[in-house]
C-alpha atoms as a PDB file:
ATOM      1  CA  MET A   1      19.956  -2.955  -8.812  1.00  0.00           C
ATOM      2  CA  GLY A   2      19.931  -6.057  -6.619  1.00  0.00           C
ATOM      3  CA  ALA A   3      17.761  -9.137  -6.580  1.00  0.00           C
ATOM      4  CA  ALA A   4      14.199  -9.069  -5.308  1.00  0.00           C
ATOM      5  CA  LEU A   5      13.673  -9.551  -1.589  1.00  0.00           C
ATOM      6  CA  ASP A   6      13.306 -13.224  -0.610  1.00  0.00           C
ATOM      7  CA  LEU A   7      10.556 -13.601   1.964  1.00  0.00           C
ATOM      8  CA  SER A   8      10.076 -17.323   1.372  1.00  0.00           C
ATOM      9  CA  LEU A   9      10.943 -18.268   4.961  1.00  0.00           C
ATOM     10  CA  GLU A  10       8.100 -16.200   6.435  1.00  0.00           C
ATOM     11  CA  PRO A  11       4.475 -17.361   6.528  1.00  0.00           C
ATOM     12  CA  GLY A  12       2.448 -16.499   3.475  1.00  0.00           C
ATOM     13  CA  ARG A  13       3.748 -15.376   0.119  1.00  0.00           C
ATOM     14  CA  ILE A  14       4.010 -12.005  -1.613  1.00  0.00           C
ATOM     15  CA  ARG A  15       3.386 -11.938  -5.351  1.00  0.00           C
ATOM     16  CA  ARG A  16       2.172  -9.669  -8.135  1.00  0.00           C
ATOM     17  CA  ILE A  17      -1.582  -9.570  -8.506  1.00  0.00           C
ATOM     18  CA  ARG A  18      -3.410 -11.880 -10.896  1.00  0.00           C
ATOM     19  CA  GLU A  19      -6.816 -11.566 -12.572  1.00  0.00           C
ATOM     20  CA  GLY A  20      -8.473 -13.697  -9.897  1.00  0.00           C
ATOM     21  CA  ASP A  21      -7.338 -11.294  -7.143  1.00  0.00           C
ATOM     22  CA  ARG A  22      -9.545  -8.372  -8.205  1.00  0.00           C
ATOM     23  CA  ASP A  23     -12.637  -9.483  -6.270  1.00  0.00           C
ATOM     24  CA  ALA A  24     -10.565 -10.368  -3.187  1.00  0.00           C
ATOM     25  CA  ILE A  25      -8.942  -6.915  -3.262  1.00  0.00           C
ATOM     26  CA  ARG A  26     -12.339  -5.208  -3.665  1.00  0.00           C
ATOM     27  CA  THR A  27     -13.809  -7.226  -0.799  1.00  0.00           C
ATOM     28  CA  MET A  28     -10.776  -6.450   1.367  1.00  0.00           C
ATOM     29  CA  LEU A  29     -10.972  -2.714   0.693  1.00  0.00           C
ATOM     30  CA  GLU A  30     -14.698  -2.637   1.394  1.00  0.00           C
ATOM     31  CA  GLY A  31     -14.304  -4.834   4.474  1.00  0.00           C
ATOM     32  CA  THR A  32     -11.842  -2.536   6.210  1.00  0.00           C
ATOM     33  CA  GLY A  33     -14.581   0.051   6.663  1.00  0.00           C
ATOM     34  CA  ALA A  34     -11.959   2.735   6.065  1.00  0.00           C
ATOM     35  CA  PHE A  35     -12.475   3.399   2.371  1.00  0.00           C
ATOM     36  CA  LYS A  36     -15.417   5.233   0.844  1.00  0.00           C
ATOM     37  CA  PRO A  37     -16.986   3.718  -2.295  1.00  0.00           C
ATOM     38  CA  HIS A  38     -15.310   6.267  -4.594  1.00  0.00           C
ATOM     39  CA  GLU A  39     -11.917   5.480  -2.994  1.00  0.00           C
ATOM     40  CA  THR A  40     -12.401   1.758  -3.581  1.00  0.00           C
ATOM     41  CA  ALA A  41     -13.325   2.541  -7.196  1.00  0.00           C
ATOM     42  CA  VAL A  42     -10.055   4.453  -7.664  1.00  0.00           C
ATOM     43  CA  ALA A  43      -8.061   1.609  -6.110  1.00  0.00           C
ATOM     44  CA  LEU A  44      -9.701  -0.842  -8.500  1.00  0.00           C
ATOM     45  CA  GLU A  45      -8.853   1.413 -11.448  1.00  0.00           C
ATOM     46  CA  LEU A  46      -5.167   0.879 -10.604  1.00  0.00           C
ATOM     47  CA  VAL A  47      -5.752  -2.864 -10.259  1.00  0.00           C
ATOM     48  CA  ASP A  48      -7.452  -2.892 -13.664  1.00  0.00           C
ATOM     49  CA  ALA A  49      -4.668  -0.820 -15.238  1.00  0.00           C
ATOM     50  CA  ALA A  50      -2.065  -3.266 -13.988  1.00  0.00           C
ATOM     51  CA  LEU A  51      -4.069  -6.316 -15.075  1.00  0.00           C
ATOM     52  CA  THR A  52      -4.953  -5.038 -18.549  1.00  0.00           C
ATOM     53  CA  HIS A  53      -1.499  -3.600 -19.245  1.00  0.00           C
ATOM     54  CA  PRO A  54       0.930  -5.996 -17.538  1.00  0.00           C
ATOM     55  CA  ARG A  55       3.981  -4.270 -19.050  1.00  0.00           C
ATOM     56  CA  GLN A  56       3.066  -0.844 -17.631  1.00  0.00           C
ATOM     57  CA  ASP A  57       5.533   0.470 -15.075  1.00  0.00           C
ATOM     58  CA  ASP A  58       3.422   3.068 -13.260  1.00  0.00           C
ATOM     59  CA  TYR A  59       1.698   0.843 -10.703  1.00  0.00           C
ATOM     60  CA  HIS A  60       3.183  -2.129  -8.896  1.00  0.00           C
ATOM     61  CA  PRO A  61       0.376  -4.066  -7.192  1.00  0.00           C
ATOM     62  CA  TYR A  62       1.200  -7.004  -4.920  1.00  0.00           C
ATOM     63  CA  VAL A  63      -0.738  -9.238  -2.572  1.00  0.00           C
ATOM     64  CA  LEU A  64       0.333 -11.212   0.433  1.00  0.00           C
ATOM     65  CA  GLU A  65      -1.307 -14.626   0.607  1.00  0.00           C
ATOM     66  CA  ALA A  66      -2.078 -16.170   3.968  1.00  0.00           C
ATOM     67  CA  ASP A  67      -1.001 -19.763   4.526  1.00  0.00           C
ATOM     68  CA  ASP A  68      -4.400 -20.959   3.270  1.00  0.00           C
ATOM     69  CA  GLY A  69      -3.796 -19.245  -0.101  1.00  0.00           C
ATOM     70  CA  THR A  70      -6.309 -16.428   0.390  1.00  0.00           C
ATOM     71  CA  VAL A  71      -5.340 -12.804  -0.158  1.00  0.00           C
ATOM     72  CA  ALA A  72      -4.623 -11.287   3.271  1.00  0.00           C
ATOM     73  CA  SER A  73      -2.991  -7.963   2.363  1.00  0.00           C
ATOM     74  CA  TYR A  74      -2.610  -5.697  -0.659  1.00  0.00           C
ATOM     75  CA  ALA A  75      -0.200  -2.920  -1.597  1.00  0.00           C
ATOM     76  CA  CYS A  76       0.163  -0.814  -4.719  1.00  0.00           C
ATOM     77  CA  PHE A  77       3.107   1.528  -5.161  1.00  0.00           C
ATOM     78  CA  GLY A  78       4.848   3.422  -7.919  1.00  0.00           C
ATOM     79  CA  LYS A  79       7.597   5.854  -8.777  1.00  0.00           C
ATOM     80  CA  ASN A  80       6.593   9.488  -8.609  1.00  0.00           C
ATOM     81  CA  PRO A  81       7.515  10.554 -12.162  1.00  0.00           C
ATOM     82  CA  MET A  82       8.166  14.169 -11.150  1.00  0.00           C
ATOM     83  CA  THR A  83      10.975  13.189  -8.776  1.00  0.00           C
ATOM     84  CA  ARG A  84      14.338  11.489  -8.867  1.00  0.00           C
ATOM     85  CA  PHE A  85      14.078   9.152  -5.849  1.00  0.00           C
ATOM     86  CA  ALA A  86      10.527   9.369  -4.433  1.00  0.00           C
ATOM     87  CA  TRP A  87       7.998   6.556  -4.622  1.00  0.00           C
ATOM     88  CA  ASP A  88       4.358   6.647  -3.555  1.00  0.00           C
ATOM     89  CA  LEU A  89       2.530   3.958  -1.629  1.00  0.00           C
ATOM     90  CA  TYR A  90      -0.854   4.406  -3.282  1.00  0.00           C
ATOM     91  CA  TRP A  91      -2.820   1.682  -1.513  1.00  0.00           C
ATOM     92  CA  LEU A  92      -2.323  -0.521   1.500  1.00  0.00           C
ATOM     93  CA  ALA A  93      -4.970  -2.762   3.033  1.00  0.00           C
ATOM     94  CA  THR A  94      -5.162  -5.883   5.144  1.00  0.00           C
ATOM     95  CA  ARG A  95      -8.231  -8.046   5.478  1.00  0.00           C
ATOM     96  CA  GLN A  96     -10.029  -7.161   8.692  1.00  0.00           C
ATOM     97  CA  ASP A  97      -9.878 -10.745   9.997  1.00  0.00           C
ATOM     98  CA  GLN A  98      -6.117 -10.848   9.348  1.00  0.00           C
ATOM     99  CA  MET A  99      -5.176  -7.575  11.072  1.00  0.00           C
ATOM    100  CA  GLY A 100      -2.672  -7.779  13.907  1.00  0.00           C
ATOM    101  CA  ARG A 101      -0.798 -10.732  12.403  1.00  0.00           C
ATOM    102  CA  GLY A 102       2.039  -8.674  10.900  1.00  0.00           C
ATOM    103  CA  PHE A 103       0.858  -8.866   7.297  1.00  0.00           C
ATOM    104  CA  GLY A 104       0.696  -5.072   6.867  1.00  0.00           C
ATOM    105  CA  ARG A 105       4.185  -4.630   8.274  1.00  0.00           C
ATOM    106  CA  ARG A 106       5.467  -7.450   6.090  1.00  0.00           C
ATOM    107  CA  ILE A 107       4.037  -6.145   2.818  1.00  0.00           C
ATOM    108  CA  VAL A 108       5.309  -2.622   3.590  1.00  0.00           C
ATOM    109  CA  SER A 109       8.783  -4.105   4.220  1.00  0.00           C
ATOM    110  CA  PHE A 110       8.518  -5.762   0.818  1.00  0.00           C
ATOM    111  CA  VAL A 111       7.514  -2.429  -0.772  1.00  0.00           C
ATOM    112  CA  GLU A 112      10.467  -0.692   0.900  1.00  0.00           C
ATOM    113  CA  GLU A 113      12.888  -3.317  -0.411  1.00  0.00           C
ATOM    114  CA  GLU A 114      11.420  -3.095  -3.919  1.00  0.00           C
ATOM    115  CA  VAL A 115      11.691   0.700  -3.854  1.00  0.00           C
ATOM    116  CA  ARG A 116      15.334   0.431  -2.753  1.00  0.00           C
ATOM    117  CA  ARG A 117      16.050  -2.207  -5.388  1.00  0.00           C
ATOM    118  CA  ARG A 118      14.590   0.092  -8.053  1.00  0.00           C
ATOM    119  CA  GLY A 119      16.753   3.031  -6.946  1.00  0.00           C
ATOM    120  CA  GLY A 120      14.269   4.815  -4.693  1.00  0.00           C
ATOM    121  CA  LYS A 121      15.212   6.542  -1.474  1.00  0.00           C
ATOM    122  CA  ILE A 122      11.917   7.932  -0.152  1.00  0.00           C
ATOM    123  CA  LEU A 123       8.507   6.338   0.305  1.00  0.00           C
ATOM    124  CA  VAL A 124       5.589   8.798   0.511  1.00  0.00           C
ATOM    125  CA  ILE A 125       2.232   7.780   1.990  1.00  0.00           C
ATOM    126  CA  GLU A 126      -0.868   9.980   2.069  1.00  0.00           C
ATOM    127  CA  THR A 127      -3.809   9.470   4.406  1.00  0.00           C
ATOM    128  CA  ALA A 128      -6.612  11.385   6.056  1.00  0.00           C
ATOM    129  CA  SER A 129      -6.825  12.937   9.504  1.00  0.00           C
ATOM    130  CA  ASN A 130     -10.392  11.814  10.229  1.00  0.00           C
ATOM    131  CA  PRO A 131     -10.870   9.553  13.251  1.00  0.00           C
ATOM    132  CA  GLY A 132     -11.551   6.489  11.096  1.00  0.00           C
ATOM    133  CA  TYR A 133      -7.907   6.484  10.036  1.00  0.00           C
ATOM    134  CA  GLY A 134      -6.480   6.658  13.568  1.00  0.00           C
ATOM    135  CA  SER A 135      -5.130   3.096  13.583  1.00  0.00           C
ATOM    136  CA  THR A 136      -3.674   3.654  10.107  1.00  0.00           C
ATOM    137  CA  ARG A 137      -1.753   6.712  11.281  1.00  0.00           C
ATOM    138  CA  GLU A 138      -0.522   4.822  14.357  1.00  0.00           C
ATOM    139  CA  PHE A 139       0.636   1.985  12.105  1.00  0.00           C
ATOM    140  CA  TYR A 140       2.664   4.365   9.919  1.00  0.00           C
ATOM    141  CA  LEU A 141       4.353   5.844  12.974  1.00  0.00           C
ATOM    142  CA  ARG A 142       5.115   2.356  14.375  1.00  0.00           C
ATOM    143  CA  ILE A 143       6.862   1.308  11.176  1.00  0.00           C
ATOM    144  CA  GLY A 144       9.121   4.358  11.218  1.00  0.00           C
ATOM    145  CA  CYS A 145       7.304   6.895   9.070  1.00  0.00           C
ATOM    146  CA  THR A 146       7.324  10.561   9.990  1.00  0.00           C
ATOM    147  CA  LEU A 147       4.542  13.064   9.417  1.00  0.00           C
ATOM    148  CA  ALA A 148       6.038  15.360   6.783  1.00  0.00           C
ATOM    149  CA  ALA A 149       3.066  17.574   5.896  1.00  0.00           C
ATOM    150  CA  ARG A 150      -0.530  18.420   6.755  1.00  0.00           C
ATOM    151  CA  LEU A 151      -2.894  20.072   4.283  1.00  0.00           C
ATOM    152  CA  PRO A 152      -5.860  21.427   6.265  1.00  0.00           C
ATOM    153  CA  ASP A 153      -9.397  20.659   5.062  1.00  0.00           C
ATOM    154  CA  PHE A 154      -8.068  18.843   1.992  1.00  0.00           C
ATOM    155  CA  TYR A 155     -10.615  16.003   1.834  1.00  0.00           C
ATOM    156  CA  ASP A 156     -13.418  17.815   3.642  1.00  0.00           C
ATOM    157  CA  GLU A 157     -13.865  20.401   6.360  1.00  0.00           C
ATOM    158  CA  GLY A 158     -11.864  19.119   9.314  1.00  0.00           C
ATOM    159  CA  ASP A 159     -10.396  16.220   7.319  1.00  0.00           C
ATOM    160  CA  ASP A 160      -6.792  17.085   6.553  1.00  0.00           C
ATOM    161  CA  LYS A 161      -4.498  15.339   4.132  1.00  0.00           C
ATOM    162  CA  LEU A 162      -1.526  13.900   6.041  1.00  0.00           C
ATOM    163  CA  VAL A 163       1.653  13.069   4.172  1.00  0.00           C
ATOM    164  CA  PHE A 164       3.922  10.540   5.815  1.00  0.00           C
ATOM    165  CA  MET A 165       7.429   9.849   4.619  1.00  0.00           C
ATOM    166  CA  LYS A 166       9.938   7.087   5.196  1.00  0.00           C
ATOM    167  CA  ARG A 167      13.532   7.036   4.010  1.00  0.00           C
ATOM    168  CA  VAL A 168      14.287   3.623   2.603  1.00  0.00           C
ATOM    169  CA  ALA A 169      17.889   4.116   1.465  1.00  0.00           C
END
């Protein structure tokens, strides 16, 4: 496995989460307007698991700091233990006031490089089909993901589960 991706020449900085990031991540998730309260609670469970058990290897949470040092974007990913090469992108969010600045694309590029570095070949991303996630789906297509599966009425009637996939190796 190679060295970690060096993004030091680009604006902002990507790093593992720290204890002080929890509230910023919660505020970011709530501020997007995309996540329901129970979804935010699940995301914070992964944050808490990573913070309370720093040696765990199931969840890899990272933030991208804007130039002013505030958390602008968040991603959490992990190896799917039932597979040989597949990794899941569990959570991805960018602060509403920072959208359109390339932070989402940048943190996903970091995730892809980390997955490759750790021996992964496929990144799997799940999202919903409801209209509130339209820009999210467009984003995944723009960064080279393909829609691999649709599970009708998974989240609710008329709200399908969409599974996007991106080959990273």
